[in-house]
């Protein structure tokens, strides 16, 4: 099992980092959110392992409130 933890960061349209306070207010004022991500890694499982019929190798995300 390989465990790798990466922290995502967000920037505005000009490329300036968005601070924790701004993200917290956005989360508190929003009822729902959607984000698209692309995962590219050669010969790896990113969601469902069809051979093992499980999600043990799934990518897991934690939100700022987790």
PDB file of N, CA and C in Angstrom:
ATOM      1  N   UNK A   1       0.835  -1.181   0.000  1.00  0.00           N
ATOM      2  CA  UNK A   1       0.000   0.000   0.000  1.00  0.00           C
ATOM      3  C   UNK A   1       0.877   1.241   0.000  1.00  0.00           C
ATOM      4  N   UNK A   2       0.611   2.126  -0.899  1.00  0.00           N
ATOM      5  CA  UNK A   2       1.337   3.386  -0.983  1.00  0.00           C
ATOM      6  C   UNK A   2       0.434   4.492  -0.480  1.00  0.00           C
ATOM      7  N   UNK A   3       0.915   5.256   0.475  1.00  0.00           N
ATOM      8  CA  UNK A   3       0.162   6.400   0.983  1.00  0.00           C
ATOM      9  C   UNK A   3       0.917   7.666   0.634  1.00  0.00           C
ATOM     10  N   UNK A   4       0.260   8.535  -0.073  1.00  0.00           N
ATOM     11  CA  UNK A   4       0.850   9.805  -0.466  1.00  0.00           C
ATOM     12  C   UNK A   4      -0.163  10.891  -0.168  1.00  0.00           C
ATOM     13  N   UNK A   5       0.243  11.873   0.591  1.00  0.00           N
ATOM     14  CA  UNK A   5      -0.661  12.949   0.957  1.00  0.00           C
ATOM     15  C   UNK A   5      -0.201  14.233   0.293  1.00  0.00           C
ATOM     16  N   UNK A   6      -1.065  14.817  -0.495  1.00  0.00           N
ATOM     17  CA  UNK A   6      -0.780  16.077  -1.160  1.00  0.00           C
ATOM     18  C   UNK A   6      -1.834  17.089  -0.762  1.00  0.00           C
ATOM     19  N   UNK A   7      -1.419  18.315  -0.560  1.00  0.00           N
ATOM     20  CA  UNK A   7      -2.368  19.367  -0.243  1.00  0.00           C
ATOM     21  C   UNK A   7      -2.572  20.206  -1.491  1.00  0.00           C
ATOM     22  N   UNK A   8      -3.821  20.360  -1.881  1.00  0.00           N
ATOM     23  CA  UNK A   8      -4.149  21.180  -3.035  1.00  0.00           C
ATOM     24  C   UNK A   8      -4.184  22.637  -2.618  1.00  0.00           C
ATOM     25  N   UNK A   9      -3.816  23.510  -3.529  1.00  0.00           N
ATOM     26  CA  UNK A   9      -3.924  24.938  -3.265  1.00  0.00           C
ATOM     27  C   UNK A   9      -4.707  25.569  -4.408  1.00  0.00           C
ATOM     28  N   UNK A  10      -5.290  26.704  -4.126  1.00  0.00           N
ATOM     29  CA  UNK A  10      -6.133  27.383  -5.098  1.00  0.00           C
ATOM     30  C   UNK A  10      -5.608  28.785  -5.344  1.00  0.00           C
ATOM     31  N   UNK A  11      -5.761  29.246  -6.578  1.00  0.00           N
ATOM     32  CA  UNK A  11      -5.349  30.598  -6.949  1.00  0.00           C
ATOM     33  C   UNK A  11      -6.504  31.288  -7.655  1.00  0.00           C
ATOM     34  N   UNK A  12      -6.479  32.631  -7.645  1.00  0.00           N
ATOM     35  CA  UNK A  12      -7.516  33.391  -8.338  1.00  0.00           C
ATOM     36  C   UNK A  12      -7.146  33.533  -9.812  1.00  0.00           C
ATOM     37  N   UNK A  13      -7.931  34.303 -10.551  1.00  0.00           N
ATOM     38  CA  UNK A  13      -7.729  34.450 -11.994  1.00  0.00           C
ATOM     39  C   UNK A  13      -6.368  35.053 -12.338  1.00  0.00           C
ATOM     40  N   UNK A  14      -5.794  35.834 -11.413  1.00  0.00           N
ATOM     41  CA  UNK A  14      -4.484  36.446 -11.649  1.00  0.00           C
ATOM     42  C   UNK A  14      -3.331  35.572 -11.162  1.00  0.00           C
ATOM     43  N   UNK A  15      -3.644  34.429 -10.592  1.00  0.00           N
ATOM     44  CA  UNK A  15      -2.608  33.531 -10.107  1.00  0.00           C
ATOM     45  C   UNK A  15      -2.195  33.760  -8.667  1.00  0.00           C
ATOM     46  N   UNK A  16      -2.915  34.640  -7.959  1.00  0.00           N
ATOM     47  CA  UNK A  16      -2.620  34.900  -6.550  1.00  0.00           C
ATOM     48  C   UNK A  16      -3.265  33.834  -5.683  1.00  0.00           C
ATOM     49  N   UNK A  17      -2.567  33.374  -4.648  1.00  0.00           N
ATOM     50  CA  UNK A  17      -3.146  32.340  -3.781  1.00  0.00           C
ATOM     51  C   UNK A  17      -4.400  32.828  -3.065  1.00  0.00           C
ATOM     52  N   UNK A  18      -5.358  31.939  -2.925  1.00  0.00           N
ATOM     53  CA  UNK A  18      -6.581  32.230  -2.180  1.00  0.00           C
ATOM     54  C   UNK A  18      -6.357  31.755  -0.753  1.00  0.00           C
ATOM     55  N   UNK A  19      -6.599  32.633   0.194  1.00  0.00           N
ATOM     56  CA  UNK A  19      -6.325  32.338   1.589  1.00  0.00           C
ATOM     57  C   UNK A  19      -7.358  31.439   2.236  1.00  0.00           C
ATOM     58  N   UNK A  20      -6.991  30.902   3.383  1.00  0.00           N
ATOM     59  CA  UNK A  20      -7.857  30.001   4.146  1.00  0.00           C
ATOM     60  C   UNK A  20      -9.141  30.703   4.561  1.00  0.00           C
ATOM     61  N   UNK A  21      -9.054  31.964   4.969  1.00  0.00           N
ATOM     62  CA  UNK A  21     -10.243  32.703   5.412  1.00  0.00           C
ATOM     63  C   UNK A  21     -11.241  32.843   4.271  1.00  0.00           C
ATOM     64  N   UNK A  22     -10.760  33.193   3.085  1.00  0.00           N
ATOM     65  CA  UNK A  22     -11.646  33.337   1.929  1.00  0.00           C
ATOM     66  C   UNK A  22     -12.294  32.001   1.576  1.00  0.00           C
ATOM     67  N   UNK A  23     -11.538  30.921   1.611  1.00  0.00           N
ATOM     68  CA  UNK A  23     -12.098  29.604   1.316  1.00  0.00           C
ATOM     69  C   UNK A  23     -13.119  29.188   2.370  1.00  0.00           C
ATOM     70  N   UNK A  24     -12.879  29.535   3.628  1.00  0.00           N
ATOM     71  CA  UNK A  24     -13.824  29.207   4.697  1.00  0.00           C
ATOM     72  C   UNK A  24     -15.140  29.934   4.494  1.00  0.00           C
ATOM     73  N   UNK A  25     -15.081  31.233   4.174  1.00  0.00           N
ATOM     74  CA  UNK A  25     -16.312  31.982   3.916  1.00  0.00           C
ATOM     75  C   UNK A  25     -17.046  31.424   2.702  1.00  0.00           C
ATOM     76  N   UNK A  26     -16.326  31.066   1.669  1.00  0.00           N
ATOM     77  CA  UNK A  26     -16.949  30.479   0.486  1.00  0.00           C
ATOM     78  C   UNK A  26     -17.667  29.188   0.845  1.00  0.00           C
ATOM     79  N   UNK A  27     -17.031  28.367   1.667  1.00  0.00           N
ATOM     80  CA  UNK A  27     -17.653  27.110   2.098  1.00  0.00           C
ATOM     81  C   UNK A  27     -18.902  27.370   2.930  1.00  0.00           C
ATOM     82  N   UNK A  28     -18.830  28.330   3.844  1.00  0.00           N
ATOM     83  CA  UNK A  28     -19.969  28.621   4.718  1.00  0.00           C
ATOM     84  C   UNK A  28     -21.154  29.220   3.963  1.00  0.00           C
ATOM     85  N   UNK A  29     -20.880  29.961   2.901  1.00  0.00           N
ATOM     86  CA  UNK A  29     -21.940  30.633   2.151  1.00  0.00           C
ATOM     87  C   UNK A  29     -22.467  29.801   0.987  1.00  0.00           C
ATOM     88  N   UNK A  30     -21.930  28.616   0.790  1.00  0.00           N
ATOM     89  CA  UNK A  30     -22.325  27.778  -0.344  1.00  0.00           C
ATOM     90  C   UNK A  30     -23.091  26.556   0.129  1.00  0.00           C
ATOM     91  N   UNK A  31     -24.157  26.236  -0.592  1.00  0.00           N
ATOM     92  CA  UNK A  31     -24.933  25.035  -0.280  1.00  0.00           C
ATOM     93  C   UNK A  31     -24.363  23.817  -1.001  1.00  0.00           C
ATOM     94  N   UNK A  32     -23.702  24.044  -2.127  1.00  0.00           N
ATOM     95  CA  UNK A  32     -23.146  22.943  -2.908  1.00  0.00           C
ATOM     96  C   UNK A  32     -21.944  23.451  -3.694  1.00  0.00           C
ATOM     97  N   UNK A  33     -21.104  22.518  -4.107  1.00  0.00           N
ATOM     98  CA  UNK A  33     -19.932  22.875  -4.907  1.00  0.00           C
ATOM     99  C   UNK A  33     -19.616  21.728  -5.850  1.00  0.00           C
ATOM    100  N   UNK A  34     -18.903  22.059  -6.897  1.00  0.00           N
ATOM    101  CA  UNK A  34     -18.494  21.056  -7.869  1.00  0.00           C
ATOM    102  C   UNK A  34     -17.097  21.413  -8.349  1.00  0.00           C
ATOM    103  N   UNK A  35     -16.273  20.389  -8.507  1.00  0.00           N
ATOM    104  CA  UNK A  35     -14.910  20.606  -8.967  1.00  0.00           C
ATOM    105  C   UNK A  35     -14.521  19.447  -9.866  1.00  0.00           C
ATOM    106  N   UNK A  36     -13.927  19.751 -10.990  1.00  0.00           N
ATOM    107  CA  UNK A  36     -13.435  18.721 -11.900  1.00  0.00           C
ATOM    108  C   UNK A  36     -11.940  18.545 -11.694  1.00  0.00           C
ATOM    109  N   UNK A  37     -11.518  17.299 -11.644  1.00  0.00           N
ATOM    110  CA  UNK A  37     -10.100  16.982 -11.516  1.00  0.00           C
ATOM    111  C   UNK A  37      -9.765  15.909 -12.539  1.00  0.00           C
ATOM    112  N   UNK A  38      -8.548  15.952 -13.022  1.00  0.00           N
ATOM    113  CA  UNK A  38      -8.063  14.935 -13.945  1.00  0.00           C
ATOM    114  C   UNK A  38      -6.890  14.215 -13.298  1.00  0.00           C
ATOM    115  N   UNK A  39      -6.956  12.902 -13.277  1.00  0.00           N
ATOM    116  CA  UNK A  39      -5.898  12.068 -12.700  1.00  0.00           C
ATOM    117  C   UNK A  39      -5.270  11.275 -13.829  1.00  0.00           C
ATOM    118  N   UNK A  40      -3.984  11.449 -14.050  1.00  0.00           N
ATOM    119  CA  UNK A  40      -3.257  10.713 -15.074  1.00  0.00           C
ATOM    120  C   UNK A  40      -2.067  10.017 -14.438  1.00  0.00           C
ATOM    121  N   UNK A  41      -2.110   8.708 -14.399  1.00  0.00           N
ATOM    122  CA  UNK A  41      -0.977   7.943 -13.899  1.00  0.00           C
ATOM    123  C   UNK A  41      -0.994   6.589 -14.617  1.00  0.00           C
ATOM    124  N   UNK A  42       0.055   6.289 -15.326  1.00  0.00           N
ATOM    125  CA  UNK A  42       0.131   5.110 -16.172  1.00  0.00           C
ATOM    126  C   UNK A  42      -0.047   3.825 -15.368  1.00  0.00           C
ATOM    127  N   UNK A  43      -0.948   2.972 -15.807  1.00  0.00           N
ATOM    128  CA  UNK A  43      -1.224   1.655 -15.229  1.00  0.00           C
ATOM    129  C   UNK A  43      -1.474   1.706 -13.720  1.00  0.00           C
ATOM    130  N   UNK A  44      -2.335   2.603 -13.311  1.00  0.00           N
ATOM    131  CA  UNK A  44      -2.678   2.679 -11.893  1.00  0.00           C
ATOM    132  C   UNK A  44      -4.191   2.721 -11.736  1.00  0.00           C
ATOM    133  N   UNK A  45      -4.629   2.380 -10.563  1.00  0.00           N
ATOM    134  CA  UNK A  45      -6.047   2.388 -10.243  1.00  0.00           C
ATOM    135  C   UNK A  45      -6.345   3.676  -9.501  1.00  0.00           C
ATOM    136  N   UNK A  46      -7.344   4.394  -9.961  1.00  0.00           N
ATOM    137  CA  UNK A  46      -7.669   5.657  -9.305  1.00  0.00           C
ATOM    138  C   UNK A  46      -9.065   5.637  -8.698  1.00  0.00           C
ATOM    139  N   UNK A  47      -9.828   4.616  -8.965  1.00  0.00           N
ATOM    140  CA  UNK A  47     -11.175   4.590  -8.406  1.00  0.00           C
ATOM    141  C   UNK A  47     -11.580   3.168  -8.057  1.00  0.00           C
ATOM    142  N   UNK A  48     -11.964   2.399  -9.009  1.00  0.00           N
ATOM    143  CA  UNK A  48     -12.491   1.064  -8.758  1.00  0.00           C
ATOM    144  C   UNK A  48     -11.527   0.028  -9.317  1.00  0.00           C
ATOM    145  N   UNK A  49     -11.109  -0.930  -8.494  1.00  0.00           N
ATOM    146  CA  UNK A  49     -10.219  -2.003  -8.917  1.00  0.00           C
ATOM    147  C   UNK A  49     -11.080  -3.170  -9.396  1.00  0.00           C
ATOM    148  N   UNK A  50     -11.216  -3.278 -10.705  1.00  0.00           N
ATOM    149  CA  UNK A  50     -12.097  -4.289 -11.280  1.00  0.00           C
ATOM    150  C   UNK A  50     -11.584  -5.705 -11.004  1.00  0.00           C
ATOM    151  N   UNK A  51     -10.273  -5.896 -11.012  1.00  0.00           N
ATOM    152  CA  UNK A  51      -9.718  -7.230 -10.764  1.00  0.00           C
ATOM    153  C   UNK A  51      -9.999  -7.705  -9.344  1.00  0.00           C
ATOM    154  N   UNK A  52      -9.894  -6.813  -8.377  1.00  0.00           N
ATOM    155  CA  UNK A  52     -10.127  -7.157  -6.971  1.00  0.00           C
ATOM    156  C   UNK A  52     -11.565  -6.891  -6.533  1.00  0.00           C
ATOM    157  N   UNK A  53     -12.339  -6.247  -7.393  1.00  0.00           N
ATOM    158  CA  UNK A  53     -13.735  -5.917  -7.110  1.00  0.00           C
ATOM    159  C   UNK A  53     -13.875  -5.127  -5.799  1.00  0.00           C
ATOM    160  N   UNK A  54     -13.039  -4.077  -5.658  1.00  0.00           N
ATOM    161  CA  UNK A  54     -13.129  -3.247  -4.452  1.00  0.00           C
ATOM    162  C   UNK A  54     -12.626  -1.833  -4.736  1.00  0.00           C
ATOM    163  N   UNK A  55     -12.720  -0.988  -3.724  1.00  0.00           N
ATOM    164  CA  UNK A  55     -12.275   0.402  -3.810  1.00  0.00           C
ATOM    165  C   UNK A  55     -11.061   0.658  -2.914  1.00  0.00           C
ATOM    166  N   UNK A  56     -10.316  -0.375  -2.554  1.00  0.00           N
ATOM    167  CA  UNK A  56      -9.186  -0.232  -1.639  1.00  0.00           C
ATOM    168  C   UNK A  56      -8.103   0.708  -2.168  1.00  0.00           C
ATOM    169  N   UNK A  57      -7.973   0.816  -3.471  1.00  0.00           N
ATOM    170  CA  UNK A  57      -6.942   1.672  -4.065  1.00  0.00           C
ATOM    171  C   UNK A  57      -7.512   2.991  -4.582  1.00  0.00           C
ATOM    172  N   UNK A  58      -8.656   3.363  -4.094  1.00  0.00           N
ATOM    173  CA  UNK A  58      -9.301   4.589  -4.552  1.00  0.00           C
ATOM    174  C   UNK A  58      -8.569   5.824  -4.046  1.00  0.00           C
ATOM    175  N   UNK A  59      -8.660   6.885  -4.804  1.00  0.00           N
ATOM    176  CA  UNK A  59      -8.159   8.179  -4.345  1.00  0.00           C
ATOM    177  C   UNK A  59      -9.166   8.715  -3.349  1.00  0.00           C
ATOM    178  N   UNK A  60      -8.668   9.203  -2.235  1.00  0.00           N
ATOM    179  CA  UNK A  60      -9.558   9.730  -1.196  1.00  0.00           C
ATOM    180  C   UNK A  60      -9.248  11.198  -0.977  1.00  0.00           C
ATOM    181  N   UNK A  61     -10.300  11.988  -0.890  1.00  0.00           N
ATOM    182  CA  UNK A  61     -10.155  13.420  -0.674  1.00  0.00           C
ATOM    183  C   UNK A  61     -10.742  13.798   0.673  1.00  0.00           C
ATOM    184  N   UNK A  62     -10.080  14.686   1.370  1.00  0.00           N
ATOM    185  CA  UNK A  62     -10.602  15.254   2.606  1.00  0.00           C
ATOM    186  C   UNK A  62     -10.900  16.720   2.353  1.00  0.00           C
ATOM    187  N   UNK A  63     -12.060  17.160   2.785  1.00  0.00           N
ATOM    188  CA  UNK A  63     -12.395  18.571   2.678  1.00  0.00           C
ATOM    189  C   UNK A  63     -11.797  19.354   3.827  1.00  0.00           C
ATOM    190  N   UNK A  64     -11.885  20.654   3.742  1.00  0.00           N
ATOM    191  CA  UNK A  64     -11.308  21.502   4.792  1.00  0.00           C
ATOM    192  C   UNK A  64     -12.003  21.321   6.125  1.00  0.00           C
ATOM    193  N   UNK A  65     -13.198  20.765   6.113  1.00  0.00           N
ATOM    194  CA  UNK A  65     -13.927  20.552   7.367  1.00  0.00           C
ATOM    195  C   UNK A  65     -13.841  19.104   7.847  1.00  0.00           C
ATOM    196  N   UNK A  66     -12.988  18.282   7.240  1.00  0.00           N
ATOM    197  CA  UNK A  66     -12.811  16.881   7.655  1.00  0.00           C
ATOM    198  C   UNK A  66     -11.673  16.741   8.638  1.00  0.00           C
TER     199      UNK A  66
END
